[in-house]
Amino acid sequence: MLTYEDFRDKIHQILKRGGPLTWTEIRTTAKLPEKLPNNKWVRRLEQDIALKRNKDVHGIIKWKVG
C-alpha cells in the first residue's frame, strides 16, 4: 500500500519535470495502482506542493504545480 508521502513525492517529481498532465498520464508515468486519485490526498497536495488542477478547452482536467 502506498503512503501519502510516497504518493506526494511521486506526483511532485513528475509534475516538476513537465506539465500540465492528466491524471492518466501521471498514473502511467509513476506506475501508480489507483485508477482514480484519493480526493483527500489531492486536497492535501493542493496545500503541500501547490497543486493546481484546471480544465482545458475540451473539459479535460490537467494537473500542474506552482
Protein backbone atom coordinates (compact mmCIF):
# COMPACT_ATOMS: atom_id res chain seq x y z
CA MET A 1 0.00 0.00 0.00
CA LEU A 2 1.25 3.45 -0.92
CA THR A 3 1.63 6.07 1.80
CA TYR A 4 0.56 9.67 1.27
CA GLU A 5 4.18 10.81 1.42
CA ASP A 6 5.21 8.39 -1.34
CA PHE A 7 2.21 9.44 -3.42
CA ARG A 8 3.01 13.14 -2.90
CA ASP A 9 6.67 12.72 -3.80
CA LYS A 10 5.92 10.76 -6.98
CA ILE A 11 3.31 13.27 -8.16
CA HIS A 12 5.55 16.23 -7.37
CA GLN A 13 8.56 14.72 -9.14
CA ILE A 14 6.57 14.02 -12.31
CA LEU A 15 4.87 17.42 -12.42
CA LYS A 16 8.17 19.27 -11.85
CA ARG A 17 9.62 17.58 -14.96
CA GLY A 18 6.78 18.68 -17.17
CA GLY A 19 3.20 19.53 -17.14
CA PRO A 20 0.37 20.12 -17.15
CA LEU A 21 -0.59 16.45 -17.28
CA THR A 22 -3.79 14.45 -16.95
CA TRP A 23 -4.25 12.01 -14.08
CA THR A 24 -3.89 9.12 -16.55
CA GLU A 25 -0.53 10.47 -17.76
CA ILE A 26 0.65 10.93 -14.17
CA ARG A 27 -0.59 7.50 -13.09
CA THR A 28 1.06 5.77 -16.04
CA THR A 29 4.39 7.56 -15.63
CA ALA A 30 4.51 6.99 -11.86
CA LYS A 31 3.19 3.43 -12.17
CA LEU A 32 0.52 4.13 -9.58
CA PRO A 33 -2.11 1.44 -8.94
CA GLU A 34 -5.03 3.84 -8.30
CA LYS A 35 -7.43 4.27 -11.20
CA LEU A 36 -8.70 7.46 -9.57
CA PRO A 37 -6.81 9.60 -7.04
CA ASN A 38 -7.89 9.78 -3.41
CA ASN A 39 -9.78 13.09 -3.06
CA LYS A 40 -8.46 13.75 0.46
CA TRP A 41 -4.89 13.28 -0.75
CA VAL A 42 -5.48 15.56 -3.74
CA ARG A 43 -6.71 18.31 -1.41
CA ARG A 44 -3.58 17.85 0.70
CA LEU A 45 -1.45 18.11 -2.44
CA GLU A 46 -3.01 21.49 -3.15
CA GLN A 47 -1.55 22.68 0.15
CA ASP A 48 1.69 20.66 0.28
CA ILE A 49 3.02 21.07 -3.28
CA ALA A 50 0.80 23.88 -4.62
CA LEU A 51 -1.05 21.51 -6.93
CA LYS A 52 -3.34 23.23 -9.42
CA ARG A 53 -5.98 21.45 -11.47
CA ASN A 54 -7.60 23.20 -14.41
CA LYS A 55 -9.89 22.13 -17.23
CA ASP A 56 -8.67 22.72 -20.75
CA VAL A 57 -10.93 23.82 -23.62
CA HIS A 58 -12.09 20.21 -24.10
CA GLY A 59 -13.02 19.76 -20.42
CA ILE A 60 -10.00 17.59 -19.61
CA ILE A 61 -8.52 18.23 -16.18
CA LYS A 62 -4.79 18.94 -16.25
CA TRP A 63 -2.58 18.90 -13.16
CA LYS A 64 0.41 21.16 -12.55
CA VAL A 65 2.45 22.54 -9.66
CA GLY A 66 3.30 26.10 -8.88
